[in-house]
Amino acid sequence: MDGELTNEEVAAAIGFEKGEMVRRYRGGLAMPRKDKLAKLADLMGLSPAQLQFPDERKEQTLAGMLGDAVDVSPDEQNLLKAYRKMSGTARKALRAHAVRLLEQHGAKDADNPFGKAGTN
């Protein structure tokens, strides 16, 4: 844990006498109150929201969510962003339309179970 502060060091920086609460925070057993959360976030160079919701620190793109598992083009990222802004009804309609397009234009394979068999 090179460069990582000890529980006692963090505790002292945010105003606790002992490191027990910091240990509980790190273990997911407790959530800091608003004042402690703000001090912890400042100590870590994050916003309180980023500390509370770690996924907010990641790039909010499909590539960010999947890591290096797939190569996602800018067009695909833009589609995902647009999709996330849609209402639930609009998302459902778009998914249904996408299935129809895949059935009509794609070959059936492991990545496209909706496509036509033997289409290339």
PDB file of N, CA and C in Angstrom:
ATOM      1  N   MET A   1       0.838  -1.193   0.000  1.00  0.00           N
ATOM      2  CA  MET A   1       0.000   0.000   0.000  1.00  0.00           C
ATOM      3  C   MET A   1       0.873   1.242   0.000  1.00  0.00           C
ATOM      4  N   ASP A   2       1.751   1.329  -0.938  1.00  0.00           N
ATOM      5  CA  ASP A   2       2.646   2.465  -1.061  1.00  0.00           C
ATOM      6  C   ASP A   2       1.878   3.755  -1.207  1.00  0.00           C
ATOM      7  N   GLY A   3       2.223   4.766  -0.403  1.00  0.00           N
ATOM      8  CA  GLY A   3       1.608   6.080  -0.526  1.00  0.00           C
ATOM      9  C   GLY A   3       0.225   6.177   0.081  1.00  0.00           C
ATOM     10  N   GLU A   4      -0.364   5.065   0.496  1.00  0.00           N
ATOM     11  CA  GLU A   4      -1.703   5.091   1.072  1.00  0.00           C
ATOM     12  C   GLU A   4      -1.606   5.468   2.545  1.00  0.00           C
ATOM     13  N   LEU A   5      -2.478   6.364   2.960  1.00  0.00           N
ATOM     14  CA  LEU A   5      -2.495   6.782   4.358  1.00  0.00           C
ATOM     15  C   LEU A   5      -3.048   5.667   5.242  1.00  0.00           C
ATOM     16  N   THR A   6      -2.545   5.577   6.442  1.00  0.00           N
ATOM     17  CA  THR A   6      -3.074   4.603   7.399  1.00  0.00           C
ATOM     18  C   THR A   6      -4.408   5.102   7.927  1.00  0.00           C
ATOM     19  N   ASN A   7      -5.152   4.214   8.535  1.00  0.00           N
ATOM     20  CA  ASN A   7      -6.432   4.600   9.141  1.00  0.00           C
ATOM     21  C   ASN A   7      -6.229   5.704  10.180  1.00  0.00           C
ATOM     22  N   GLU A   8      -5.148   5.613  10.944  1.00  0.00           N
ATOM     23  CA  GLU A   8      -4.870   6.600  11.980  1.00  0.00           C
ATOM     24  C   GLU A   8      -4.541   7.968  11.368  1.00  0.00           C
ATOM     25  N   GLU A   9      -3.793   7.967  10.270  1.00  0.00           N
ATOM     26  CA  GLU A   9      -3.455   9.221   9.593  1.00  0.00           C
ATOM     27  C   GLU A   9      -4.704   9.894   9.016  1.00  0.00           C
ATOM     28  N   VAL A  10      -5.564   9.095   8.412  1.00  0.00           N
ATOM     29  CA  VAL A  10      -6.812   9.638   7.869  1.00  0.00           C
ATOM     30  C   VAL A  10      -7.682  10.156   9.007  1.00  0.00           C
ATOM     31  N   ALA A  11      -7.759   9.380  10.082  1.00  0.00           N
ATOM     32  CA  ALA A  11      -8.570   9.781  11.236  1.00  0.00           C
ATOM     33  C   ALA A  11      -8.108  11.129  11.782  1.00  0.00           C
ATOM     34  N   ALA A  12      -6.816  11.291  11.931  1.00  0.00           N
ATOM     35  CA  ALA A  12      -6.277  12.556  12.446  1.00  0.00           C
ATOM     36  C   ALA A  12      -6.599  13.708  11.499  1.00  0.00           C
ATOM     37  N   ALA A  13      -6.534  13.459  10.196  1.00  0.00           N
ATOM     38  CA  ALA A  13      -6.780  14.515   9.207  1.00  0.00           C
ATOM     39  C   ALA A  13      -8.230  14.973   9.186  1.00  0.00           C
ATOM     40  N   ILE A  14      -9.162  14.066   9.565  1.00  0.00           N
ATOM     41  CA  ILE A  14     -10.575  14.453   9.518  1.00  0.00           C
ATOM     42  C   ILE A  14     -11.175  14.714  10.898  1.00  0.00           C
ATOM     43  N   GLY A  15     -10.335  14.605  11.940  1.00  0.00           N
ATOM     44  CA  GLY A  15     -10.810  14.992  13.272  1.00  0.00           C
ATOM     45  C   GLY A  15     -11.209  13.873  14.210  1.00  0.00           C
ATOM     46  N   PHE A  16     -10.792  12.648  13.945  1.00  0.00           N
ATOM     47  CA  PHE A  16     -11.038  11.546  14.869  1.00  0.00           C
ATOM     48  C   PHE A  16      -9.770  11.292  15.668  1.00  0.00           C
ATOM     49  N   GLU A  17      -9.943  10.762  16.886  1.00  0.00           N
ATOM     50  CA  GLU A  17      -8.782  10.428  17.703  1.00  0.00           C
ATOM     51  C   GLU A  17      -8.183   9.075  17.326  1.00  0.00           C
ATOM     52  N   LYS A  18      -9.039   8.141  16.889  1.00  0.00           N
ATOM     53  CA  LYS A  18      -8.583   6.788  16.546  1.00  0.00           C
ATOM     54  C   LYS A  18      -8.996   6.451  15.119  1.00  0.00           C
ATOM     55  N   GLY A  19      -8.398   5.404  14.573  1.00  0.00           N
ATOM     56  CA  GLY A  19      -8.664   5.006  13.194  1.00  0.00           C
ATOM     57  C   GLY A  19      -9.815   4.033  13.003  1.00  0.00           C
ATOM     58  N   GLU A  20     -10.531   3.694  14.065  1.00  0.00           N
ATOM     59  CA  GLU A  20     -11.584   2.684  13.971  1.00  0.00           C
ATOM     60  C   GLU A  20     -12.685   3.056  12.972  1.00  0.00           C
ATOM     61  N   MET A  21     -13.159   4.291  12.992  1.00  0.00           N
ATOM     62  CA  MET A  21     -14.226   4.680  12.067  1.00  0.00           C
ATOM     63  C   MET A  21     -13.722   4.667  10.629  1.00  0.00           C
ATOM     64  N   VAL A  22     -12.493   5.050  10.419  1.00  0.00           N
ATOM     65  CA  VAL A  22     -11.918   5.015   9.071  1.00  0.00           C
ATOM     66  C   VAL A  22     -11.856   3.569   8.586  1.00  0.00           C
ATOM     67  N   ARG A  23     -11.481   2.652   9.470  1.00  0.00           N
ATOM     68  CA  ARG A  23     -11.471   1.231   9.123  1.00  0.00           C
ATOM     69  C   ARG A  23     -12.875   0.792   8.714  1.00  0.00           C
ATOM     70  N   ARG A  24     -13.872   1.264   9.438  1.00  0.00           N
ATOM     71  CA  ARG A  24     -15.264   0.904   9.117  1.00  0.00           C
ATOM     72  C   ARG A  24     -15.696   1.522   7.786  1.00  0.00           C
ATOM     73  N   TYR A  25     -15.265   2.755   7.521  1.00  0.00           N
ATOM     74  CA  TYR A  25     -15.569   3.381   6.229  1.00  0.00           C
ATOM     75  C   TYR A  25     -14.963   2.564   5.094  1.00  0.00           C
ATOM     76  N   ARG A  26     -13.681   2.234   5.246  1.00  0.00           N
ATOM     77  CA  ARG A  26     -12.977   1.495   4.196  1.00  0.00           C
ATOM     78  C   ARG A  26     -13.561   0.111   3.980  1.00  0.00           C
ATOM     79  N   GLY A  27     -14.071  -0.472   5.014  1.00  0.00           N
ATOM     80  CA  GLY A  27     -14.664  -1.808   4.912  1.00  0.00           C
ATOM     81  C   GLY A  27     -16.116  -1.800   4.460  1.00  0.00           C
ATOM     82  N   GLY A  28     -16.679  -0.617   4.249  1.00  0.00           N
ATOM     83  CA  GLY A  28     -18.067  -0.525   3.824  1.00  0.00           C
ATOM     84  C   GLY A  28     -19.062  -0.792   4.943  1.00  0.00           C
ATOM     85  N   LEU A  29     -18.603  -0.708   6.178  1.00  0.00           N
ATOM     86  CA  LEU A  29     -19.467  -0.972   7.326  1.00  0.00           C
ATOM     87  C   LEU A  29     -20.139   0.286   7.856  1.00  0.00           C
ATOM     88  N   ALA A  30     -19.668   1.441   7.426  1.00  0.00           N
ATOM     89  CA  ALA A  30     -20.234   2.713   7.880  1.00  0.00           C
ATOM     90  C   ALA A  30     -20.048   3.749   6.780  1.00  0.00           C
ATOM     91  N   MET A  31     -20.911   4.756   6.807  1.00  0.00           N
ATOM     92  CA  MET A  31     -20.822   5.858   5.850  1.00  0.00           C
ATOM     93  C   MET A  31     -20.564   7.125   6.649  1.00  0.00           C
ATOM     94  N   PRO A  32     -19.558   7.921   6.240  1.00  0.00           N
ATOM     95  CA  PRO A  32     -19.254   9.142   6.974  1.00  0.00           C
ATOM     96  C   PRO A  32     -20.420  10.140   6.927  1.00  0.00           C
ATOM     97  N   ARG A  33     -20.560  10.884   7.999  1.00  0.00           N
ATOM     98  CA  ARG A  33     -21.538  11.978   8.011  1.00  0.00           C
ATOM     99  C   ARG A  33     -21.041  13.067   7.068  1.00  0.00           C
ATOM    100  N   LYS A  34     -21.935  13.989   6.753  1.00  0.00           N
ATOM    101  CA  LYS A  34     -21.664  15.018   5.742  1.00  0.00           C
ATOM    102  C   LYS A  34     -20.352  15.775   5.996  1.00  0.00           C
ATOM    103  N   ASP A  35     -20.107  16.191   7.238  1.00  0.00           N
ATOM    104  CA  ASP A  35     -18.895  16.960   7.527  1.00  0.00           C
ATOM    105  C   ASP A  35     -17.632  16.121   7.339  1.00  0.00           C
ATOM    106  N   LYS A  36     -17.677  14.863   7.770  1.00  0.00           N
ATOM    107  CA  LYS A  36     -16.517  13.965   7.612  1.00  0.00           C
ATOM    108  C   LYS A  36     -16.338  13.586   6.141  1.00  0.00           C
ATOM    109  N   LEU A  37     -17.434  13.400   5.440  1.00  0.00           N
ATOM    110  CA  LEU A  37     -17.378  13.070   4.025  1.00  0.00           C
ATOM    111  C   LEU A  37     -16.680  14.185   3.248  1.00  0.00           C
ATOM    112  N   ALA A  38     -17.027  15.421   3.562  1.00  0.00           N
ATOM    113  CA  ALA A  38     -16.394  16.566   2.885  1.00  0.00           C
ATOM    114  C   ALA A  38     -14.898  16.602   3.167  1.00  0.00           C
ATOM    115  N   LYS A  39     -14.505  16.337   4.408  1.00  0.00           N
ATOM    116  CA  LYS A  39     -13.075  16.334   4.753  1.00  0.00           C
ATOM    117  C   LYS A  39     -12.338  15.181   4.072  1.00  0.00           C
ATOM    118  N   LEU A  40     -12.963  14.002   4.045  1.00  0.00           N
ATOM    119  CA  LEU A  40     -12.345  12.855   3.367  1.00  0.00           C
ATOM    120  C   LEU A  40     -12.175  13.126   1.877  1.00  0.00           C
ATOM    121  N   ALA A  41     -13.215  13.670   1.270  1.00  0.00           N
ATOM    122  CA  ALA A  41     -13.154  13.966  -0.167  1.00  0.00           C
ATOM    123  C   ALA A  41     -12.038  14.956  -0.461  1.00  0.00           C
ATOM    124  N   ASP A  42     -11.940  15.992   0.364  1.00  0.00           N
ATOM    125  CA  ASP A  42     -10.891  16.991   0.178  1.00  0.00           C
ATOM    126  C   ASP A  42      -9.515  16.349   0.330  1.00  0.00           C
ATOM    127  N   LEU A  43      -9.363  15.503   1.309  1.00  0.00           N
ATOM    128  CA  LEU A  43      -8.106  14.806   1.553  1.00  0.00           C
ATOM    129  C   LEU A  43      -7.703  13.955   0.349  1.00  0.00           C
ATOM    130  N   MET A  44      -8.696  13.367  -0.330  1.00  0.00           N
ATOM    131  CA  MET A  44      -8.429  12.484  -1.452  1.00  0.00           C
ATOM    132  C   MET A  44      -8.448  13.195  -2.806  1.00  0.00           C
ATOM    133  N   GLY A  45      -8.766  14.487  -2.796  1.00  0.00           N
ATOM    134  CA  GLY A  45      -8.824  15.230  -4.051  1.00  0.00           C
ATOM    135  C   GLY A  45     -10.033  14.882  -4.892  1.00  0.00           C
ATOM    136  N   LEU A  46     -11.125  14.518  -4.235  1.00  0.00           N
ATOM    137  CA  LEU A  46     -12.357  14.153  -4.915  1.00  0.00           C
ATOM    138  C   LEU A  46     -13.495  15.033  -4.427  1.00  0.00           C
ATOM    139  N   SER A  47     -14.618  14.973  -5.115  1.00  0.00           N
ATOM    140  CA  SER A  47     -15.818  15.625  -4.600  1.00  0.00           C
ATOM    141  C   SER A  47     -16.495  14.640  -3.651  1.00  0.00           C
ATOM    142  N   PRO A  48     -17.346  15.112  -2.747  1.00  0.00           N
ATOM    143  CA  PRO A  48     -18.069  14.180  -1.881  1.00  0.00           C
ATOM    144  C   PRO A  48     -18.875  13.146  -2.673  1.00  0.00           C
ATOM    145  N   ALA A  49     -19.480  13.558  -3.789  1.00  0.00           N
ATOM    146  CA  ALA A  49     -20.257  12.620  -4.614  1.00  0.00           C
ATOM    147  C   ALA A  49     -19.365  11.533  -5.196  1.00  0.00           C
ATOM    148  N   GLN A  50     -18.162  11.897  -5.619  1.00  0.00           N
ATOM    149  CA  GLN A  50     -17.244  10.903  -6.174  1.00  0.00           C
ATOM    150  C   GLN A  50     -16.802   9.908  -5.110  1.00  0.00           C
ATOM    151  N   LEU A  51     -16.675  10.371  -3.893  1.00  0.00           N
ATOM    152  CA  LEU A  51     -16.283   9.482  -2.805  1.00  0.00           C
ATOM    153  C   LEU A  51     -17.437   8.550  -2.437  1.00  0.00           C
ATOM    154  N   GLN A  52     -18.652   9.094  -2.419  1.00  0.00           N
ATOM    155  CA  GLN A  52     -19.826   8.288  -2.092  1.00  0.00           C
ATOM    156  C   GLN A  52     -20.165   7.293  -3.179  1.00  0.00           C
ATOM    157  N   PHE A  53     -20.003   7.704  -4.426  1.00  0.00           N
ATOM    158  CA  PHE A  53     -20.383   6.882  -5.571  1.00  0.00           C
ATOM    159  C   PHE A  53     -19.167   6.710  -6.466  1.00  0.00           C
ATOM    160  N   PRO A  54     -18.287   5.755  -6.155  1.00  0.00           N
ATOM    161  CA  PRO A  54     -17.015   5.620  -6.854  1.00  0.00           C
ATOM    162  C   PRO A  54     -17.135   5.497  -8.367  1.00  0.00           C
ATOM    163  N   ASP A  55     -18.213   4.935  -8.874  1.00  0.00           N
ATOM    164  CA  ASP A  55     -18.366   4.793 -10.320  1.00  0.00           C
ATOM    165  C   ASP A  55     -18.390   6.145 -11.017  1.00  0.00           C
ATOM    166  N   GLU A  56     -18.734   7.201 -10.301  1.00  0.00           N
ATOM    167  CA  GLU A  56     -18.758   8.537 -10.875  1.00  0.00           C
ATOM    168  C   GLU A  56     -17.352   8.973 -11.295  1.00  0.00           C
ATOM    169  N   ARG A  57     -16.327   8.345 -10.709  1.00  0.00           N
ATOM    170  CA  ARG A  57     -14.955   8.714 -11.055  1.00  0.00           C
ATOM    171  C   ARG A  57     -14.559   8.165 -12.411  1.00  0.00           C
ATOM    172  N   LYS A  58     -15.213   7.086 -12.832  1.00  0.00           N
ATOM    173  CA  LYS A  58     -14.868   6.477 -14.106  1.00  0.00           C
ATOM    174  C   LYS A  58     -15.469   7.280 -15.247  1.00  0.00           C
ATOM    175  N   GLU A  59     -14.841   7.189 -16.389  1.00  0.00           N
ATOM    176  CA  GLU A  59     -15.381   7.832 -17.578  1.00  0.00           C
ATOM    177  C   GLU A  59     -16.722   7.177 -17.889  1.00  0.00           C
ATOM    178  N   GLN A  60     -17.754   7.991 -18.040  1.00  0.00           N
ATOM    179  CA  GLN A  60     -19.096   7.455 -18.238  1.00  0.00           C
ATOM    180  C   GLN A  60     -19.349   7.122 -19.708  1.00  0.00           C
ATOM    181  N   THR A  61     -18.602   6.180 -20.200  1.00  0.00           N
ATOM    182  CA  THR A  61     -18.782   5.694 -21.558  1.00  0.00           C
ATOM    183  C   THR A  61     -18.849   4.183 -21.495  1.00  0.00           C
ATOM    184  N   LEU A  62     -19.320   3.588 -22.558  1.00  0.00           N
ATOM    185  CA  LEU A  62     -19.361   2.138 -22.605  1.00  0.00           C
ATOM    186  C   LEU A  62     -17.961   1.567 -22.429  1.00  0.00           C
ATOM    187  N   ALA A  63     -16.976   2.192 -23.046  1.00  0.00           N
ATOM    188  CA  ALA A  63     -15.604   1.720 -22.908  1.00  0.00           C
ATOM    189  C   ALA A  63     -15.165   1.800 -21.450  1.00  0.00           C
ATOM    190  N   GLY A  64     -15.554   2.860 -20.748  1.00  0.00           N
ATOM    191  CA  GLY A  64     -15.210   3.000 -19.342  1.00  0.00           C
ATOM    192  C   GLY A  64     -15.845   1.927 -18.486  1.00  0.00           C
ATOM    193  N   MET A  65     -17.074   1.552 -18.824  1.00  0.00           N
ATOM    194  CA  MET A  65     -17.770   0.533 -18.053  1.00  0.00           C
ATOM    195  C   MET A  65     -17.226  -0.862 -18.313  1.00  0.00           C
ATOM    196  N   LEU A  66     -16.797  -1.118 -19.538  1.00  0.00           N
ATOM    197  CA  LEU A  66     -16.339  -2.452 -19.892  1.00  0.00           C
ATOM    198  C   LEU A  66     -14.830  -2.607 -19.846  1.00  0.00           C
ATOM    199  N   GLY A  67     -14.139  -1.544 -19.546  1.00  0.00           N
ATOM    200  CA  GLY A  67     -12.686  -1.603 -19.510  1.00  0.00           C
ATOM    201  C   GLY A  67     -12.128  -1.798 -20.903  1.00  0.00           C
ATOM    202  N   ASP A  68     -11.132  -2.621 -21.032  1.00  0.00           N
ATOM    203  CA  ASP A  68     -10.495  -2.859 -22.320  1.00  0.00           C
ATOM    204  C   ASP A  68     -11.115  -4.034 -23.063  1.00  0.00           C
ATOM    205  N   ALA A  69     -12.270  -4.510 -22.594  1.00  0.00           N
ATOM    206  CA  ALA A  69     -12.878  -5.695 -23.196  1.00  0.00           C
ATOM    207  C   ALA A  69     -13.342  -5.446 -24.622  1.00  0.00           C
ATOM    208  N   VAL A  70     -13.746  -4.225 -24.936  1.00  0.00           N
ATOM    209  CA  VAL A  70     -14.233  -3.915 -26.276  1.00  0.00           C
ATOM    210  C   VAL A  70     -13.663  -2.583 -26.734  1.00  0.00           C
ATOM    211  N   ASP A  71     -13.630  -2.421 -28.042  1.00  0.00           N
ATOM    212  CA  ASP A  71     -13.211  -1.161 -28.625  1.00  0.00           C
ATOM    213  C   ASP A  71     -14.480  -0.426 -29.031  1.00  0.00           C
ATOM    214  N   VAL A  72     -14.773   0.688 -28.414  1.00  0.00           N
ATOM    215  CA  VAL A  72     -16.015   1.426 -28.651  1.00  0.00           C
ATOM    216  C   VAL A  72     -15.692   2.702 -29.411  1.00  0.00           C
ATOM    217  N   SER A  73     -16.344   2.855 -30.556  1.00  0.00           N
ATOM    218  CA  SER A  73     -16.102   4.030 -31.385  1.00  0.00           C
ATOM    219  C   SER A  73     -16.802   5.257 -30.789  1.00  0.00           C
ATOM    220  N   PRO A  74     -16.405   6.447 -31.210  1.00  0.00           N
ATOM    221  CA  PRO A  74     -17.102   7.658 -30.755  1.00  0.00           C
ATOM    222  C   PRO A  74     -18.592   7.645 -31.115  1.00  0.00           C
ATOM    223  N   ASP A  75     -18.945   7.097 -32.287  1.00  0.00           N
ATOM    224  CA  ASP A  75     -20.360   7.000 -32.656  1.00  0.00           C
ATOM    225  C   ASP A  75     -21.126   6.126 -31.673  1.00  0.00           C
ATOM    226  N   GLU A  76     -20.520   5.006 -31.278  1.00  0.00           N
ATOM    227  CA  GLU A  76     -21.173   4.114 -30.319  1.00  0.00           C
ATOM    228  C   GLU A  76     -21.317   4.790 -28.959  1.00  0.00           C
ATOM    229  N   GLN A  77     -20.306   5.552 -28.561  1.00  0.00           N
ATOM    230  CA  GLN A  77     -20.387   6.279 -27.296  1.00  0.00           C
ATOM    231  C   GLN A  77     -21.503   7.311 -27.344  1.00  0.00           C
ATOM    232  N   ASN A  78     -21.631   8.013 -28.478  1.00  0.00           N
ATOM    233  CA  ASN A  78     -22.693   9.013 -28.625  1.00  0.00           C
ATOM    234  C   ASN A  78     -24.075   8.367 -28.594  1.00  0.00           C
ATOM    235  N   LEU A  79     -24.202   7.186 -29.196  1.00  0.00           N
ATOM    236  CA  LEU A  79     -25.472   6.463 -29.145  1.00  0.00           C
ATOM    237  C   LEU A  79     -25.846   6.112 -27.704  1.00  0.00           C
ATOM    238  N   LEU A  80     -24.863   5.651 -26.953  1.00  0.00           N
ATOM    239  CA  LEU A  80     -25.122   5.300 -25.562  1.00  0.00           C
ATOM    240  C   LEU A  80     -25.532   6.530 -24.758  1.00  0.00           C
ATOM    241  N   LYS A  81     -24.861   7.640 -24.963  1.00  0.00           N
ATOM    242  CA  LYS A  81     -25.216   8.877 -24.254  1.00  0.00           C
ATOM    243  C   LYS A  81     -26.642   9.301 -24.583  1.00  0.00           C
ATOM    244  N   ALA A  82     -27.007   9.234 -25.873  1.00  0.00           N
ATOM    245  CA  ALA A  82     -28.361   9.600 -26.287  1.00  0.00           C
ATOM    246  C   ALA A  82     -29.380   8.646 -25.679  1.00  0.00           C
ATOM    247  N   TYR A  83     -29.071   7.366 -25.682  1.00  0.00           N
ATOM    248  CA  TYR A  83     -29.958   6.346 -25.114  1.00  0.00           C
ATOM    249  C   TYR A  83     -30.221   6.615 -23.631  1.00  0.00           C
ATOM    250  N   ARG A  84     -29.189   6.968 -22.901  1.00  0.00           N
ATOM    251  CA  ARG A  84     -29.329   7.218 -21.461  1.00  0.00           C
ATOM    252  C   ARG A  84     -30.198   8.430 -21.162  1.00  0.00           C
ATOM    253  N   LYS A  85     -30.315   9.349 -22.099  1.00  0.00           N
ATOM    254  CA  LYS A  85     -31.136  10.544 -21.895  1.00  0.00           C
ATOM    255  C   LYS A  85     -32.613  10.295 -22.225  1.00  0.00           C
ATOM    256  N   MET A  86     -32.923   9.162 -22.844  1.00  0.00           N
ATOM    257  CA  MET A  86     -34.290   8.857 -23.260  1.00  0.00           C
ATOM    258  C   MET A  86     -35.150   8.416 -22.085  1.00  0.00           C
ATOM    259  N   SER A  87     -36.452   8.607 -22.253  1.00  0.00           N
ATOM    260  CA  SER A  87     -37.401   8.097 -21.258  1.00  0.00           C
ATOM    261  C   SER A  87     -37.447   6.574 -21.364  1.00  0.00           C
ATOM    262  N   GLY A  88     -38.027   5.931 -20.380  1.00  0.00           N
ATOM    263  CA  GLY A  88     -38.158   4.476 -20.394  1.00  0.00           C
ATOM    264  C   GLY A  88     -38.932   3.980 -21.604  1.00  0.00           C
ATOM    265  N   THR A  89     -39.980   4.691 -21.973  1.00  0.00           N
ATOM    266  CA  THR A  89     -40.788   4.312 -23.133  1.00  0.00           C
ATOM    267  C   THR A  89     -39.983   4.426 -24.424  1.00  0.00           C
ATOM    268  N   ALA A  90     -39.233   5.508 -24.554  1.00  0.00           N
ATOM    269  CA  ALA A  90     -38.414   5.696 -25.751  1.00  0.00           C
ATOM    270  C   ALA A  90     -37.328   4.632 -25.838  1.00  0.00           C
ATOM    271  N   ARG A  91     -36.746   4.259 -24.703  1.00  0.00           N
ATOM    272  CA  ARG A  91     -35.718   3.211 -24.699  1.00  0.00           C
ATOM    273  C   ARG A  91     -36.309   1.889 -25.181  1.00  0.00           C
ATOM    274  N   LYS A  92     -37.504   1.563 -24.673  1.00  0.00           N
ATOM    275  CA  LYS A  92     -38.160   0.319 -25.061  1.00  0.00           C
ATOM    276  C   LYS A  92     -38.427   0.299 -26.561  1.00  0.00           C
ATOM    277  N   ALA A  93     -38.909   1.413 -27.110  1.00  0.00           N
ATOM    278  CA  ALA A  93     -39.174   1.500 -28.541  1.00  0.00           C
ATOM    279  C   ALA A  93     -37.886   1.351 -29.351  1.00  0.00           C
ATOM    280  N   LEU A  94     -36.817   1.986 -28.897  1.00  0.00           N
ATOM    281  CA  LEU A  94     -35.541   1.898 -29.604  1.00  0.00           C
ATOM    282  C   LEU A  94     -35.010   0.470 -29.588  1.00  0.00           C
ATOM    283  N   ARG A  95     -35.119  -0.209 -28.457  1.00  0.00           N
ATOM    284  CA  ARG A  95     -34.652  -1.600 -28.380  1.00  0.00           C
ATOM    285  C   ARG A  95     -35.436  -2.486 -29.342  1.00  0.00           C
ATOM    286  N   ALA A  96     -36.761  -2.284 -29.403  1.00  0.00           N
ATOM    287  CA  ALA A  96     -37.597  -3.073 -30.316  1.00  0.00           C
ATOM    288  C   ALA A  96     -37.194  -2.805 -31.769  1.00  0.00           C
ATOM    289  N   HIS A  97     -36.945  -1.560 -32.098  1.00  0.00           N
ATOM    290  CA  HIS A  97     -36.523  -1.208 -33.454  1.00  0.00           C
ATOM    291  C   HIS A  97     -35.159  -1.810 -33.771  1.00  0.00           C
ATOM    292  N   ALA A  98     -34.261  -1.783 -32.812  1.00  0.00           N
ATOM    293  CA  ALA A  98     -32.930  -2.364 -33.008  1.00  0.00           C
ATOM    294  C   ALA A  98     -33.031  -3.864 -33.282  1.00  0.00           C
ATOM    295  N   VAL A  99     -33.903  -4.558 -32.564  1.00  0.00           N
ATOM    296  CA  VAL A  99     -34.088  -5.992 -32.800  1.00  0.00           C
ATOM    297  C   VAL A  99     -34.590  -6.223 -34.225  1.00  0.00           C
ATOM    298  N   ARG A 100     -35.538  -5.405 -34.688  1.00  0.00           N
ATOM    299  CA  ARG A 100     -36.046  -5.544 -36.066  1.00  0.00           C
ATOM    300  C   ARG A 100     -34.925  -5.323 -37.085  1.00  0.00           C
ATOM    301  N   LEU A 101     -34.091  -4.312 -36.848  1.00  0.00           N
ATOM    302  CA  LEU A 101     -32.975  -4.061 -37.763  1.00  0.00           C
ATOM    303  C   LEU A 101     -31.999  -5.230 -37.781  1.00  0.00           C
ATOM    304  N   LEU A 102     -31.705  -5.775 -36.611  1.00  0.00           N
ATOM    305  CA  LEU A 102     -30.790  -6.911 -36.533  1.00  0.00           C
ATOM    306  C   LEU A 102     -31.374  -8.136 -37.237  1.00  0.00           C
ATOM    307  N   GLU A 103     -32.683  -8.337 -37.089  1.00  0.00           N
ATOM    308  CA  GLU A 103     -33.333  -9.460 -37.768  1.00  0.00           C
ATOM    309  C   GLU A 103     -33.244  -9.316 -39.284  1.00  0.00           C
ATOM    310  N   GLN A 104     -33.428  -8.092 -39.767  1.00  0.00           N
ATOM    311  CA  GLN A 104     -33.467  -7.842 -41.210  1.00  0.00           C
ATOM    312  C   GLN A 104     -32.086  -7.785 -41.854  1.00  0.00           C
ATOM    313  N   HIS A 105     -31.110  -7.268 -41.144  1.00  0.00           N
ATOM    314  CA  HIS A 105     -29.836  -6.949 -41.780  1.00  0.00           C
ATOM    315  C   HIS A 105     -28.630  -7.722 -41.257  1.00  0.00           C
ATOM    316  N   GLY A 106     -28.787  -8.444 -40.202  1.00  0.00           N
ATOM    317  CA  GLY A 106     -27.617  -9.082 -39.624  1.00  0.00           C
ATOM    318  C   GLY A 106     -27.635 -10.580 -39.747  1.00  0.00           C
ATOM    319  N   ALA A 107     -26.459 -11.160 -39.734  1.00  0.00           N
ATOM    320  CA  ALA A 107     -26.317 -12.615 -39.716  1.00  0.00           C
ATOM    321  C   ALA A 107     -26.513 -13.110 -38.293  1.00  0.00           C
ATOM    322  N   LYS A 108     -27.149 -14.238 -38.168  1.00  0.00           N
ATOM    323  CA  LYS A 108     -27.349 -14.817 -36.848  1.00  0.00           C
ATOM    324  C   LYS A 108     -26.040 -15.448 -36.382  1.00  0.00           C
ATOM    325  N   ASP A 109     -25.588 -15.020 -35.206  1.00  0.00           N
ATOM    326  CA  ASP A 109     -24.380 -15.592 -34.599  1.00  0.00           C
ATOM    327  C   ASP A 109     -24.450 -15.334 -33.105  1.00  0.00           C
ATOM    328  N   ALA A 110     -23.373 -15.645 -32.401  1.00  0.00           N
ATOM    329  CA  ALA A 110     -23.372 -15.483 -30.937  1.00  0.00           C
ATOM    330  C   ALA A 110     -23.591 -14.032 -30.522  1.00  0.00           C
ATOM    331  N   ASP A 111     -23.098 -13.086 -31.331  1.00  0.00           N
ATOM    332  CA  ASP A 111     -23.251 -11.674 -30.995  1.00  0.00           C
ATOM    333  C   ASP A 111     -24.586 -11.104 -31.437  1.00  0.00           C
ATOM    334  N   ASN A 112     -25.275 -11.771 -32.356  1.00  0.00           N
ATOM    335  CA  ASN A 112     -26.554 -11.295 -32.877  1.00  0.00           C
ATOM    336  C   ASN A 112     -27.523 -12.471 -32.988  1.00  0.00           C
ATOM    337  N   PRO A 113     -28.156 -12.853 -31.871  1.00  0.00           N
ATOM    338  CA  PRO A 113     -29.070 -13.989 -31.911  1.00  0.00           C
ATOM    339  C   PRO A 113     -30.362 -13.684 -32.677  1.00  0.00           C
ATOM    340  N   PHE A 114     -30.569 -12.424 -33.045  1.00  0.00           N
ATOM    341  CA  PHE A 114     -31.801 -12.040 -33.727  1.00  0.00           C
ATOM    342  C   PHE A 114     -31.696 -12.136 -35.254  1.00  0.00           C
ATOM    343  N   GLY A 115     -30.495 -12.221 -35.783  1.00  0.00           N
ATOM    344  CA  GLY A 115     -30.288 -12.168 -37.229  1.00  0.00           C
ATOM    345  C   GLY A 115     -30.771 -13.404 -37.965  1.00  0.00           C
ATOM    346  N   LYS A 116     -30.661 -13.308 -39.287  1.00  0.00           N
ATOM    347  CA  LYS A 116     -31.059 -14.415 -40.150  1.00  0.00           C
ATOM    348  C   LYS A 116     -29.916 -15.411 -40.260  1.00  0.00           C
ATOM    349  N   ALA A 117     -30.259 -16.675 -40.245  1.00  0.00           N
ATOM    350  CA  ALA A 117     -29.240 -17.719 -40.384  1.00  0.00           C
ATOM    351  C   ALA A 117     -28.646 -17.673 -41.776  1.00  0.00           C
ATOM    352  N   GLY A 118     -27.331 -17.772 -41.871  1.00  0.00           N
ATOM    353  CA  GLY A 118     -26.647 -17.836 -43.157  1.00  0.00           C
ATOM    354  C   GLY A 118     -26.491 -16.495 -43.855  1.00  0.00           C
ATOM    355  N   THR A 119     -26.883 -15.373 -43.241  1.00  0.00           N
ATOM    356  CA  THR A 119     -26.758 -14.055 -43.865  1.00  0.00           C
ATOM    357  C   THR A 119     -25.366 -13.513 -43.609  1.00  0.00           C
ATOM    358  N   ASN A 120     -24.723 -13.007 -44.610  1.00  0.00           N
ATOM    359  CA  ASN A 120     -23.412 -12.360 -44.435  1.00  0.00           C
ATOM    360  C   ASN A 120     -23.322 -11.109 -45.222  1.00  0.00           C
TER     361      ASN A 120
END
